[in-house]
Each structure stands twice: as structure tokens, then as C-alpha cells.
N, C-alpha and C. Protein backbone atom coordinates (compact mmCIF):
# COMPACT_ATOMS: atom_id res chain seq x y z
N MET A 1 -25.69 -124.45 28.20
CA MET A 1 -26.95 -124.05 28.72
C MET A 1 -27.31 -122.28 28.81
N ASN A 2 -26.16 -121.73 28.95
CA ASN A 2 -25.58 -120.49 29.52
C ASN A 2 -25.48 -119.84 28.25
N LYS A 3 -25.14 -120.38 26.88
CA LYS A 3 -25.29 -119.88 25.66
C LYS A 3 -26.90 -119.75 25.11
N TRP A 4 -27.11 -121.12 25.49
CA TRP A 4 -28.68 -121.01 24.92
C TRP A 4 -29.61 -120.13 25.82
N LEU A 5 -29.55 -119.46 26.91
CA LEU A 5 -29.90 -118.57 27.50
C LEU A 5 -30.14 -117.20 26.82
N ARG A 6 -28.48 -117.05 26.74
CA ARG A 6 -28.21 -115.51 26.39
C ARG A 6 -28.76 -115.44 24.77
N LYS A 7 -28.63 -116.52 23.86
CA LYS A 7 -29.31 -116.08 22.67
C LYS A 7 -30.70 -116.19 22.68
N SER A 8 -31.50 -116.71 23.55
CA SER A 8 -32.87 -116.65 23.74
C SER A 8 -33.37 -115.28 24.33
N PHE A 9 -32.18 -114.91 25.19
CA PHE A 9 -32.71 -113.58 25.48
C PHE A 9 -32.32 -112.51 23.91
N VAL A 10 -31.47 -112.34 23.77
CA VAL A 10 -31.12 -111.52 21.98
C VAL A 10 -32.29 -111.32 21.42
N VAL A 11 -32.54 -112.82 21.38
CA VAL A 11 -33.78 -113.18 20.25
C VAL A 11 -35.05 -112.53 20.83
N MET A 12 -35.40 -112.41 22.19
CA MET A 12 -36.52 -112.05 22.60
C MET A 12 -36.69 -110.61 22.88
N VAL A 13 -35.34 -110.00 22.96
CA VAL A 13 -35.36 -108.46 23.17
C VAL A 13 -35.44 -107.92 21.68
N SER A 14 -34.54 -108.58 20.57
CA SER A 14 -35.09 -108.00 19.17
C SER A 14 -36.26 -108.20 18.68
N LEU A 15 -37.14 -109.17 19.19
CA LEU A 15 -38.42 -109.37 18.63
C LEU A 15 -39.44 -108.41 19.03
N LEU A 16 -39.11 -107.91 20.64
CA LEU A 16 -39.93 -106.88 21.44
C LEU A 16 -39.80 -105.39 20.73
N THR A 17 -38.31 -105.59 20.50
CA THR A 17 -37.97 -104.00 19.82
C THR A 17 -38.34 -104.00 18.50
N PHE A 18 -38.77 -104.83 17.61
CA PHE A 18 -38.76 -104.83 16.38
C PHE A 18 -39.30 -103.48 15.90
N GLY A 19 -38.41 -102.68 15.00
CA GLY A 19 -38.78 -101.62 14.55
C GLY A 19 -38.85 -100.10 15.51
N LEU A 20 -38.47 -100.50 16.57
CA LEU A 20 -38.25 -99.11 17.67
C LEU A 20 -37.05 -98.46 17.30
N ILE A 21 -35.79 -99.46 17.45
CA ILE A 21 -34.37 -99.39 17.37
C ILE A 21 -34.02 -99.60 16.02
N THR A 22 -33.62 -98.48 15.56
CA THR A 22 -33.10 -98.75 13.82
C THR A 22 -31.40 -98.09 13.95
N PRO A 23 -30.95 -99.18 13.29
CA PRO A 23 -29.25 -98.59 13.02
C PRO A 23 -29.02 -97.06 12.38
N ALA A 24 -27.79 -96.67 12.56
CA ALA A 24 -27.81 -95.15 12.05
C ALA A 24 -27.58 -95.31 10.75
N GLN A 25 -28.11 -94.66 10.31
CA GLN A 25 -27.55 -94.32 8.48
C GLN A 25 -26.31 -93.81 8.29
N PRO A 26 -25.51 -94.63 7.13
CA PRO A 26 -24.38 -93.86 6.88
C PRO A 26 -24.60 -92.87 6.62
N GLY A 27 -23.40 -91.67 7.10
CA GLY A 27 -23.18 -90.34 7.13
C GLY A 27 -24.53 -89.40 7.92
N VAL A 28 -25.07 -89.96 8.61
CA VAL A 28 -25.36 -89.34 9.61
C VAL A 28 -24.45 -89.10 11.06
N LEU A 29 -23.82 -89.90 11.14
CA LEU A 29 -23.21 -89.41 12.22
C LEU A 29 -21.63 -88.59 11.62
N ASP A 30 -21.41 -88.97 10.18
CA ASP A 30 -20.42 -87.75 10.01
C ASP A 30 -20.82 -86.48 9.62
N ARG A 31 -22.09 -86.28 9.52
CA ARG A 31 -22.73 -85.14 9.36
C ARG A 31 -23.13 -84.18 10.88
N VAL A 32 -23.05 -85.40 12.20
CA VAL A 32 -23.42 -84.78 13.08
C VAL A 32 -22.21 -83.94 13.93
N LYS A 33 -20.77 -85.21 13.33
CA LYS A 33 -19.45 -84.63 13.97
C LYS A 33 -18.96 -83.34 13.04
N ALA A 34 -19.35 -83.15 12.13
CA ALA A 34 -18.88 -82.08 10.93
C ALA A 34 -19.55 -80.59 12.04
N ASP A 35 -20.90 -81.01 11.99
CA ASP A 35 -21.72 -79.94 12.75
C ASP A 35 -21.05 -79.13 14.28
N ASN A 36 -20.74 -80.29 14.84
CA ASN A 36 -19.92 -80.21 16.01
C ASN A 36 -18.52 -79.45 16.12
N GLU A 37 -18.08 -80.27 14.88
CA GLU A 37 -16.75 -79.24 14.61
C GLU A 37 -16.73 -77.97 14.16
N ALA A 38 -18.00 -77.64 13.45
CA ALA A 38 -17.89 -76.01 13.15
C ALA A 38 -18.57 -75.25 13.68
N SER A 39 -19.24 -75.79 15.05
CA SER A 39 -20.01 -75.06 16.22
C SER A 39 -18.41 -74.75 17.14
N GLU A 40 -17.79 -75.55 17.08
CA GLU A 40 -16.37 -75.13 17.91
C GLU A 40 -15.85 -74.22 17.65
N ARG A 41 -15.78 -74.29 16.06
CA ARG A 41 -14.65 -73.12 15.53
C ARG A 41 -15.25 -71.93 15.59
N GLU A 42 -16.23 -71.86 15.50
CA GLU A 42 -17.40 -70.36 15.72
C GLU A 42 -16.81 -69.70 17.06
N PRO A 43 -16.71 -68.19 16.74
CA PRO A 43 -16.37 -67.64 17.95
C PRO A 43 -17.85 -67.72 18.94
N ALA A 44 -17.33 -67.73 19.91
CA ALA A 44 -18.77 -67.59 21.24
C ALA A 44 -19.13 -66.24 21.08
N LYS A 45 -20.77 -66.09 21.36
CA LYS A 45 -21.34 -64.87 21.63
C LYS A 45 -21.70 -64.48 22.67
N THR A 46 -20.82 -63.16 23.02
CA THR A 46 -20.90 -62.90 24.47
C THR A 46 -21.91 -62.10 24.80
N GLY A 47 -23.06 -61.56 23.78
CA GLY A 47 -24.02 -60.90 24.61
C GLY A 47 -25.29 -60.71 23.19
N PRO A 48 -26.38 -60.24 23.91
CA PRO A 48 -27.54 -60.48 22.51
C PRO A 48 -27.23 -59.16 21.60
N ILE A 49 -27.72 -59.87 20.44
CA ILE A 49 -27.35 -58.88 19.21
C ILE A 49 -28.61 -58.20 19.23
N VAL A 50 -28.81 -56.71 19.21
CA VAL A 50 -29.99 -56.18 18.80
C VAL A 50 -29.97 -55.74 17.43
N THR A 51 -30.97 -56.31 16.82
CA THR A 51 -31.21 -55.82 15.28
C THR A 51 -32.41 -55.28 15.17
N GLU A 52 -33.26 -54.89 16.02
CA GLU A 52 -34.63 -54.76 15.66
C GLU A 52 -34.81 -53.00 15.16
N SER A 53 -35.73 -52.92 14.81
CA SER A 53 -35.91 -51.65 14.30
C SER A 53 -36.93 -51.14 14.98
N ALA A 54 -37.03 -49.52 14.47
CA ALA A 54 -38.36 -49.24 15.49
C ALA A 54 -39.72 -49.84 14.47
N GLN A 55 -39.65 -50.22 13.59
CA GLN A 55 -40.94 -50.57 13.04
C GLN A 55 -41.29 -52.07 13.59
N SER A 56 -40.31 -52.67 13.70
CA SER A 56 -40.25 -53.75 14.49
C SER A 56 -41.33 -53.82 15.89
N GLU A 57 -40.63 -52.68 16.34
CA GLU A 57 -41.25 -52.42 18.22
C GLU A 57 -42.37 -52.21 17.71
N GLU A 58 -42.75 -51.02 16.81
CA GLU A 58 -44.35 -50.51 16.80
C GLU A 58 -44.88 -51.98 16.51
N VAL A 59 -44.28 -52.85 15.35
CA VAL A 59 -45.69 -53.98 15.31
C VAL A 59 -45.81 -54.82 16.91
N SER A 60 -44.58 -54.85 17.47
CA SER A 60 -44.95 -55.57 18.78
C SER A 60 -45.97 -54.92 19.44
N ASP A 61 -45.74 -53.51 19.66
CA ASP A 61 -46.65 -52.66 20.62
C ASP A 61 -48.40 -53.02 20.13
N ARG A 62 -48.43 -53.04 18.54
CA ARG A 62 -49.58 -53.06 18.18
C ARG A 62 -49.91 -54.41 18.20
N ASP A 63 -49.30 -55.41 18.15
CA ASP A 63 -49.68 -57.02 18.35
C ASP A 63 -49.94 -56.92 20.01
N GLN A 64 -49.33 -56.53 20.85
CA GLN A 64 -50.08 -56.45 22.36
C GLN A 64 -50.96 -55.72 22.66
N PHE A 65 -51.17 -54.68 21.76
CA PHE A 65 -52.60 -54.07 22.07
C PHE A 65 -53.80 -55.17 21.78
N ILE A 66 -53.29 -55.52 20.45
CA ILE A 66 -54.35 -56.23 19.82
C ILE A 66 -54.38 -57.92 20.82
N GLU A 67 -53.78 -58.07 21.32
CA GLU A 67 -53.68 -59.01 22.05
C GLU A 67 -54.51 -58.95 23.59
N ASN A 68 -54.32 -57.89 24.30
CA ASN A 68 -55.24 -57.16 25.55
C ASN A 68 -56.39 -57.21 24.94
N MET A 69 -56.52 -56.49 23.86
CA MET A 69 -58.15 -56.22 23.74
C MET A 69 -58.62 -57.56 23.38
N VAL A 70 -58.09 -58.60 22.90
CA VAL A 70 -58.67 -59.86 22.24
C VAL A 70 -59.18 -60.61 24.01
N LYS A 71 -58.32 -60.60 24.81
CA LYS A 71 -58.41 -61.00 26.22
C LYS A 71 -59.63 -60.53 26.56
N LEU A 72 -59.79 -58.93 26.72
CA LEU A 72 -60.69 -58.65 27.30
C LEU A 72 -62.17 -58.78 26.83
N ALA A 73 -62.00 -58.76 25.21
CA ALA A 73 -63.27 -59.32 24.69
C ALA A 73 -63.91 -60.79 24.84
N GLU A 74 -63.06 -61.61 25.18
CA GLU A 74 -63.12 -62.96 25.63
C GLU A 74 -63.92 -62.86 26.71
N GLU A 75 -63.30 -62.12 28.03
CA GLU A 75 -63.84 -61.76 29.25
C GLU A 75 -65.41 -61.31 29.15
N ARG A 76 -65.37 -60.26 28.65
CA ARG A 76 -66.69 -59.54 28.46
C ARG A 76 -67.83 -60.63 27.66
N SER A 77 -67.17 -61.26 26.76
CA SER A 77 -68.37 -62.38 25.99
C SER A 77 -68.86 -63.37 26.86
N TYR A 78 -67.87 -63.63 27.77
CA TYR A 78 -68.26 -65.19 28.56
C TYR A 78 -68.92 -64.16 29.95
N GLU A 79 -69.02 -63.16 30.10
CA GLU A 79 -69.86 -62.11 30.98
C GLU A 79 -71.27 -62.23 30.84
N LYS A 80 -71.51 -61.96 29.35
CA LYS A 80 -72.41 -61.50 29.03
C LYS A 80 -73.11 -63.22 28.88
N PHE A 81 -72.98 -63.75 28.27
CA PHE A 81 -73.23 -65.74 28.28
C PHE A 81 -73.68 -65.81 29.22
N GLY A 82 -73.09 -65.36 30.35
CA GLY A 82 -73.57 -65.94 31.83
C GLY A 82 -73.62 -67.79 31.79
N SER A 83 -73.77 -68.16 33.34
CA SER A 83 -73.38 -69.56 33.77
C SER A 83 -74.09 -70.74 32.99
N LYS A 84 -75.38 -70.21 32.36
CA LYS A 84 -76.17 -70.78 31.49
C LYS A 84 -76.03 -71.34 30.36
N ILE A 85 -75.80 -70.31 29.84
CA ILE A 85 -75.42 -69.90 27.99
C ILE A 85 -73.67 -70.49 28.04
N LYS A 86 -72.94 -69.83 28.67
CA LYS A 86 -71.14 -70.21 28.19
C LYS A 86 -70.93 -71.71 27.94
N PRO A 87 -71.25 -72.52 28.87
CA PRO A 87 -70.99 -73.90 29.02
C PRO A 87 -71.53 -74.79 27.53
N VAL A 88 -72.46 -74.25 26.81
CA VAL A 88 -73.00 -74.82 25.64
C VAL A 88 -72.30 -74.42 24.28
N ILE A 89 -72.22 -73.00 24.30
CA ILE A 89 -71.68 -72.47 23.31
C ILE A 89 -70.11 -72.10 23.47
N GLU A 90 -69.38 -72.19 24.46
CA GLU A 90 -67.82 -71.72 24.68
C GLU A 90 -66.89 -72.15 23.76
N ASN A 91 -67.11 -73.52 23.42
CA ASN A 91 -65.96 -74.21 22.43
C ASN A 91 -66.37 -73.48 21.16
N GLU A 92 -67.43 -73.72 20.60
CA GLU A 92 -67.72 -73.28 19.16
C GLU A 92 -67.46 -71.38 19.22
N PHE A 93 -67.99 -70.96 20.00
CA PHE A 93 -67.32 -69.23 20.42
C PHE A 93 -65.94 -68.90 20.25
N ARG A 94 -64.96 -69.83 20.99
CA ARG A 94 -63.52 -69.53 21.00
C ARG A 94 -63.16 -70.04 19.55
N GLU A 95 -63.59 -71.06 19.26
CA GLU A 95 -63.02 -71.48 17.53
C GLU A 95 -63.46 -70.62 16.55
N ILE A 96 -64.79 -70.57 16.50
CA ILE A 96 -65.36 -69.70 15.44
C ILE A 96 -65.65 -68.27 15.22
N ILE A 97 -65.85 -67.84 16.27
CA ILE A 97 -66.31 -66.51 16.55
C ILE A 97 -65.01 -65.76 16.97
N LEU A 98 -63.98 -65.85 17.94
CA LEU A 98 -63.27 -65.12 18.69
C LEU A 98 -62.02 -64.74 17.45
N PRO A 99 -61.71 -65.66 16.61
CA PRO A 99 -60.95 -65.43 15.68
C PRO A 99 -61.45 -64.08 14.83
N LYS A 100 -62.24 -64.24 15.03
CA LYS A 100 -63.24 -63.15 13.76
C LYS A 100 -63.00 -61.73 14.30
N ILE A 101 -63.33 -61.85 15.60
CA ILE A 101 -63.34 -61.02 16.40
C ILE A 101 -61.96 -60.14 16.43
N GLU A 102 -60.93 -60.81 16.80
CA GLU A 102 -59.63 -60.58 16.78
C GLU A 102 -59.28 -59.85 15.33
N ASN A 103 -59.62 -60.50 14.02
CA ASN A 103 -59.37 -59.66 12.99
C ASN A 103 -60.19 -58.52 12.94
N ALA A 104 -61.26 -58.32 13.31
CA ALA A 104 -61.89 -57.18 13.28
C ALA A 104 -61.29 -56.03 14.16
N ILE A 105 -60.61 -56.42 15.37
CA ILE A 105 -60.07 -55.46 16.03
C ILE A 105 -58.79 -55.05 15.78
N ALA A 106 -57.78 -56.27 14.90
CA ALA A 106 -56.78 -55.84 14.42
C ALA A 106 -57.03 -54.72 13.10
N GLU A 107 -58.12 -55.15 12.28
CA GLU A 107 -58.48 -54.19 11.16
C GLU A 107 -58.75 -52.63 11.68
N THR A 108 -59.29 -52.39 12.65
CA THR A 108 -59.77 -51.28 13.43
C THR A 108 -58.93 -50.75 13.85
N ALA A 109 -57.87 -51.58 14.42
CA ALA A 109 -56.36 -50.65 14.96
C ALA A 109 -55.05 -50.34 13.99
N THR A 110 -55.63 -50.50 12.94
CA THR A 110 -54.77 -50.16 11.74
C THR A 110 -55.24 -49.02 11.22
N GLN A 111 -56.35 -48.25 11.71
CA GLN A 111 -56.83 -47.30 11.14
C GLN A 111 -56.74 -46.18 12.01
N PHE A 112 -55.71 -46.38 13.15
CA PHE A 112 -55.30 -45.41 14.08
C PHE A 112 -53.63 -45.16 14.29
N PRO A 113 -53.15 -44.44 14.53
CA PRO A 113 -51.85 -44.15 14.76
C PRO A 113 -51.49 -44.87 15.93
N ASP A 114 -50.19 -45.01 15.89
CA ASP A 114 -49.85 -45.94 17.33
C ASP A 114 -50.13 -45.32 18.47
N GLU A 115 -50.04 -43.85 18.52
CA GLU A 115 -50.18 -43.05 19.50
C GLU A 115 -51.56 -43.36 20.22
N ASP A 116 -52.52 -43.23 19.50
CA ASP A 116 -53.72 -43.25 19.46
C ASP A 116 -54.34 -44.57 19.90
N LEU A 117 -53.53 -45.62 19.56
CA LEU A 117 -54.09 -46.73 20.09
C LEU A 117 -54.22 -47.09 21.68
N ALA A 118 -53.20 -46.41 22.58
CA ALA A 118 -53.50 -46.56 24.08
C ALA A 118 -54.89 -45.62 24.57
N SER A 119 -55.03 -45.15 23.89
CA SER A 119 -56.74 -44.07 24.25
C SER A 119 -57.86 -45.05 23.94
N LEU A 120 -57.46 -46.70 22.90
CA LEU A 120 -58.85 -47.13 22.78
C LEU A 120 -58.91 -48.45 24.03
N ALA A 121 -60.07 -48.22 24.36
CA ALA A 121 -60.53 -49.21 25.58
C ALA A 121 -61.76 -50.24 25.05
N ILE A 122 -62.07 -51.28 26.15
CA ILE A 122 -63.30 -51.90 25.76
C ILE A 122 -64.33 -51.36 27.03
N SER A 123 -65.68 -51.44 26.53
CA SER A 123 -66.54 -51.18 27.54
C SER A 123 -66.77 -51.73 28.66
N GLU A 124 -67.29 -51.29 29.82
CA GLU A 124 -66.63 -52.44 31.19
C GLU A 124 -68.15 -53.24 31.51
N GLN A 125 -69.35 -53.33 31.25
CA GLN A 125 -70.21 -53.95 31.39
C GLN A 125 -71.08 -54.38 29.89
N PRO A 126 -70.94 -55.78 29.66
CA PRO A 126 -72.00 -56.13 28.64
C PRO A 126 -73.89 -55.84 29.03
N GLY A 127 -74.40 -56.01 27.91
CA GLY A 127 -75.82 -55.82 28.00
C GLY A 127 -76.68 -57.10 28.39
N ALA A 128 -77.36 -57.05 29.44
CA ALA A 128 -77.96 -57.94 29.89
C ALA A 128 -79.37 -58.23 29.48
N GLY A 129 -80.09 -59.43 29.96
CA GLY A 129 -81.26 -59.58 29.31
C GLY A 129 -81.53 -59.84 28.07
N HIS A 130 -82.08 -58.99 27.19
CA HIS A 130 -82.55 -59.21 25.68
C HIS A 130 -81.38 -58.44 24.90
N SER A 131 -80.82 -57.43 25.49
CA SER A 131 -80.10 -56.46 24.85
C SER A 131 -78.84 -57.32 24.00
N GLU A 132 -78.37 -56.88 22.86
CA GLU A 132 -77.63 -57.39 21.99
C GLU A 132 -76.09 -56.88 21.92
N LYS A 133 -76.15 -55.97 22.98
CA LYS A 133 -74.43 -55.47 23.14
C LYS A 133 -73.49 -56.66 23.82
N ILE A 134 -72.35 -57.21 23.15
CA ILE A 134 -71.29 -57.67 24.05
C ILE A 134 -70.13 -56.92 24.68
N PHE A 135 -69.88 -55.71 23.76
CA PHE A 135 -68.76 -54.77 24.29
C PHE A 135 -68.41 -53.52 23.15
N ASN A 136 -68.43 -52.50 23.36
CA ASN A 136 -67.79 -51.77 22.33
C ASN A 136 -66.22 -51.36 22.59
N LEU A 137 -65.83 -51.23 21.60
CA LEU A 137 -64.53 -50.49 21.70
C LEU A 137 -64.31 -49.15 21.29
N LYS A 138 -63.94 -48.47 22.38
CA LYS A 138 -64.51 -46.59 22.08
C LYS A 138 -63.01 -46.17 22.32
N ASN A 139 -63.06 -44.58 22.15
CA ASN A 139 -61.98 -43.80 22.12
C ASN A 139 -62.18 -43.01 23.89
N SER A 140 -60.99 -43.39 24.56
CA SER A 140 -61.85 -43.41 26.02
C SER A 140 -61.47 -41.46 25.94
N GLN A 141 -60.86 -40.96 24.98
CA GLN A 141 -60.42 -39.49 25.37
C GLN A 141 -61.95 -38.79 24.74
N THR A 142 -62.47 -39.28 23.45
CA THR A 142 -63.71 -38.81 23.16
C THR A 142 -64.87 -38.97 23.79
N GLY A 143 -64.53 -40.61 24.28
CA GLY A 143 -65.85 -40.96 24.75
C GLY A 143 -66.91 -41.56 23.40
N LYS A 144 -66.44 -41.63 22.25
CA LYS A 144 -66.91 -42.14 21.14
C LYS A 144 -67.01 -43.52 20.84
N ASP A 145 -67.83 -44.32 20.27
CA ASP A 145 -67.62 -45.53 19.86
C ASP A 145 -66.87 -45.84 18.41
N VAL A 146 -65.80 -46.75 18.71
CA VAL A 146 -65.21 -46.90 17.19
C VAL A 146 -66.10 -48.19 16.57
N ILE A 147 -66.12 -49.02 17.18
CA ILE A 147 -66.54 -50.35 16.75
C ILE A 147 -67.48 -50.99 17.75
N ARG A 148 -68.66 -51.79 17.48
CA ARG A 148 -69.53 -52.48 18.62
C ARG A 148 -69.72 -53.70 18.14
N PHE A 149 -69.76 -54.47 19.23
CA PHE A 149 -69.87 -55.78 19.00
C PHE A 149 -71.20 -56.53 19.68
N HIS A 150 -72.06 -57.06 18.83
CA HIS A 150 -73.12 -57.58 19.34
C HIS A 150 -73.53 -59.10 18.66
N VAL A 151 -74.48 -59.57 19.60
CA VAL A 151 -75.15 -60.66 19.32
C VAL A 151 -76.37 -61.26 19.66
N ARG A 152 -77.49 -61.44 18.50
CA ARG A 152 -78.54 -61.33 18.45
C ARG A 152 -79.48 -62.77 18.55
N ARG A 153 -80.02 -63.10 19.08
CA ARG A 153 -81.05 -63.99 18.81
C ARG A 153 -81.80 -64.13 17.57
N ASP A 154 -81.53 -65.03 16.97
CA ASP A 154 -82.47 -65.53 15.84
C ASP A 154 -83.13 -66.89 16.18
N ASN A 155 -84.55 -66.79 15.48
CA ASN A 155 -85.04 -68.10 15.82
C ASN A 155 -86.29 -68.12 14.34
N PRO A 156 -85.22 -68.65 13.13
CA PRO A 156 -86.00 -68.85 11.95
C PRO A 156 -86.83 -70.08 12.00
N PRO A 157 -87.86 -70.01 11.17
CA PRO A 157 -89.00 -71.19 11.40
C PRO A 157 -88.47 -72.19 11.46
N HIS A 158 -88.79 -73.31 12.34
CA HIS A 158 -88.25 -74.80 12.30
C HIS A 158 -86.93 -74.97 12.32
N ALA A 159 -86.35 -74.12 12.70
CA ALA A 159 -84.66 -74.24 12.70
C ALA A 159 -84.30 -73.78 14.13
N GLY A 160 -84.91 -73.67 15.44
CA GLY A 160 -84.46 -73.67 16.61
C GLY A 160 -83.87 -72.11 16.70
N TYR A 161 -83.21 -72.04 17.66
CA TYR A 161 -82.70 -70.53 18.14
C TYR A 161 -81.19 -70.69 17.94
N TRP A 162 -80.56 -69.72 17.21
CA TRP A 162 -79.22 -69.12 16.72
C TRP A 162 -78.96 -67.66 17.41
N PHE A 163 -77.26 -68.08 17.81
CA PHE A 163 -77.19 -66.63 18.11
C PHE A 163 -76.17 -66.18 16.93
N ASN A 164 -76.64 -64.91 16.76
CA ASN A 164 -75.93 -64.35 15.39
C ASN A 164 -74.58 -63.18 16.17
N PHE A 165 -73.40 -63.45 15.82
CA PHE A 165 -72.40 -62.54 16.41
C PHE A 165 -72.26 -61.58 15.18
N HIS A 166 -72.16 -60.31 15.30
CA HIS A 166 -71.82 -59.44 14.41
C HIS A 166 -71.32 -58.30 14.90
N TYR A 167 -70.67 -57.12 13.97
CA TYR A 167 -70.32 -55.71 14.68
C TYR A 167 -70.50 -54.75 13.80
N HIS A 168 -70.54 -53.63 14.27
CA HIS A 168 -71.09 -52.44 13.48
C HIS A 168 -69.82 -51.32 13.77
N THR A 169 -69.21 -50.48 12.52
CA THR A 169 -68.32 -49.77 12.97
C THR A 169 -68.78 -48.32 12.85
N PHE A 170 -67.64 -47.13 13.04
CA PHE A 170 -67.80 -45.99 13.24
C PHE A 170 -67.53 -45.58 11.83
N ASN A 171 -67.13 -46.23 10.62
CA ASN A 171 -67.04 -46.13 9.23
C ASN A 171 -68.22 -45.54 8.67
N ASP A 172 -69.39 -46.25 8.99
CA ASP A 172 -70.69 -46.34 8.29
C ASP A 172 -71.55 -45.73 9.26
N ASN A 173 -71.35 -44.79 10.39
CA ASN A 173 -72.44 -44.77 11.37
C ASN A 173 -73.15 -46.06 11.87
N PHE A 174 -72.56 -46.99 12.31
CA PHE A 174 -72.84 -47.95 12.67
C PHE A 174 -74.46 -48.46 12.24
N GLN A 175 -74.48 -48.65 10.61
CA GLN A 175 -75.50 -49.18 10.04
C GLN A 175 -75.53 -50.41 9.49
N GLU A 176 -74.19 -50.78 9.00
CA GLU A 176 -73.90 -52.09 8.41
C GLU A 176 -73.94 -53.05 9.12
N HIS A 177 -74.04 -54.36 9.08
CA HIS A 177 -73.90 -55.37 9.89
C HIS A 177 -72.67 -56.25 9.56
N HIS A 178 -71.82 -56.33 9.95
CA HIS A 178 -70.69 -56.98 9.78
C HIS A 178 -70.63 -58.40 10.20
N ASN A 179 -71.26 -59.43 9.51
CA ASN A 179 -71.56 -60.57 10.27
C ASN A 179 -70.20 -61.59 10.60
N LEU A 180 -70.03 -61.89 11.84
CA LEU A 180 -69.13 -62.79 12.29
C LEU A 180 -69.48 -64.49 12.76
N GLY A 181 -70.57 -64.80 12.31
CA GLY A 181 -70.89 -66.16 12.48
C GLY A 181 -72.16 -66.56 13.43
N SER A 182 -72.72 -67.44 13.19
CA SER A 182 -74.05 -67.85 14.42
C SER A 182 -73.07 -69.25 14.73
N ILE A 183 -74.06 -69.10 16.02
CA ILE A 183 -73.80 -70.51 16.78
C ILE A 183 -75.30 -70.95 17.28
N TYR A 184 -75.37 -72.31 17.22
CA TYR A 184 -76.81 -72.94 17.20
C TYR A 184 -76.83 -73.14 18.69
N TRP A 185 -78.28 -72.66 19.04
CA TRP A 185 -78.44 -73.21 20.66
C TRP A 185 -79.37 -74.19 20.98
N ASP A 186 -80.58 -74.28 20.62
CA ASP A 186 -81.39 -75.68 20.76
C ASP A 186 -82.62 -75.03 20.32
N LYS A 187 -83.70 -75.93 20.08
CA LYS A 187 -85.24 -75.82 19.82
C LYS A 187 -85.80 -74.78 20.91
N ASN A 188 -85.50 -75.14 21.92
CA ASN A 188 -85.99 -74.56 23.15
C ASN A 188 -85.42 -72.82 23.35
N THR A 189 -86.04 -72.32 24.12
CA THR A 189 -85.65 -70.76 24.25
C THR A 189 -84.43 -70.57 25.01
N PRO A 190 -83.38 -70.18 24.63
CA PRO A 190 -82.05 -69.60 25.55
C PRO A 190 -82.60 -68.70 26.79
N PRO A 191 -81.83 -68.98 27.67
CA PRO A 191 -82.01 -68.13 29.06
C PRO A 191 -81.67 -67.00 28.54
N LYS A 192 -82.05 -65.74 29.52
CA LYS A 192 -81.69 -64.23 29.22
C LYS A 192 -80.52 -63.87 29.46
N TRP A 193 -79.59 -63.32 28.72
CA TRP A 193 -78.06 -63.02 28.97
C TRP A 193 -77.64 -62.96 30.16
N MET A 194 -76.48 -63.04 30.24
CA MET A 194 -76.21 -62.71 31.72
C MET A 194 -76.92 -63.62 33.22
N ALA A 195 -77.54 -65.02 32.69
CA ALA A 195 -78.30 -65.38 33.91
C ALA A 195 -77.55 -66.50 34.27
């Protein structure tokens, strides 16, 4: 009876774990052993090896600048949307529009030398009410805008309300619309910005 119980238990466990536990492939253990032996033969590294060049440091500074600007851009955008609009369009904004804002900021940053990036800043207050302004990226030394990010309410016939995100640059004296995308609101009129 004891043997019968043991065999039943082994069969039950093998049926329950069918396909979950596989036997080791031939040669796998040999490769693992060889890798362990090779790593034991290599001399231990006593400290960090610094191989970064000045160029990679510049890239990381530029990347850090872009990352900081995108975080501020997201904050200003959510301020502009207010508590009524933000919950409705937040996910689409983060997935569709924000990456394009990041690309526009990165493209603009390439037009400036690294030492001038520190003078670029995002405006403090988004436009409220019916204003299109989300935020401006400006040169804090000269006070002049470099790039302006806007959102416009569109109401095409029989299509409901849409929020059209776009930007303007100093390169063409802020004349051309550079489209970032549109997000659908509803058939009903959206509330004012920052409401």
C-alpha cells in the first residue's frame, strides 16, 4: 500500500506540473559551467572604467535639458486643461501629443549651442478662458519667444468639438502652424480652459 500511495503521488504531481518543468537541454549545463569558469579566470575589476568623451557628456546634458522641458510642458498642459478637461483627454494627450512636443523641443534645442540651452525656459502661466496658449519656450536672457505651443478648439460641421494642438517657431516669425495632432472632445461644448 505504501508503494501504491507513493506512485500515485508521483503521477499526480507530474500531471499537475505537466509542461511547467522541463528537463535540462543537453549542453546547456556545459555552457553554464564554461561561462562560470571563464568569469573566474578574468581579473576582478577594482573600479569604474571611465571611457566617456566630452561629446557624450554634451549629449547627456542636452538629453537632461529636453527631459526637464518635457516634464514642465506636461505640467503646463495639465494646468491649461483644468480639472474638467484633463481627465477626459489626459491619456490621448500623453500618448499622441506629448511625444510630438518632445520632438519639437528636441529639434529646437539642436538649433542652439549647449551653453545657450541654460537660458531657455518655459513660460510660467498657460492662457485661460478661450486663449490658445499652452506655454512658450523663450530665451530668458533676451525675453524673446523661441517656440509657442497652442491648442485650438475646432468645431467642424457635424463632427463635434476637437482640440487641435500645434506650435509656431521663431524661424518663420511664428506664422506657420506646425500640427501636433487633434483630440476629440464631444458633441457638447467643452468648458473654458483652466476650469
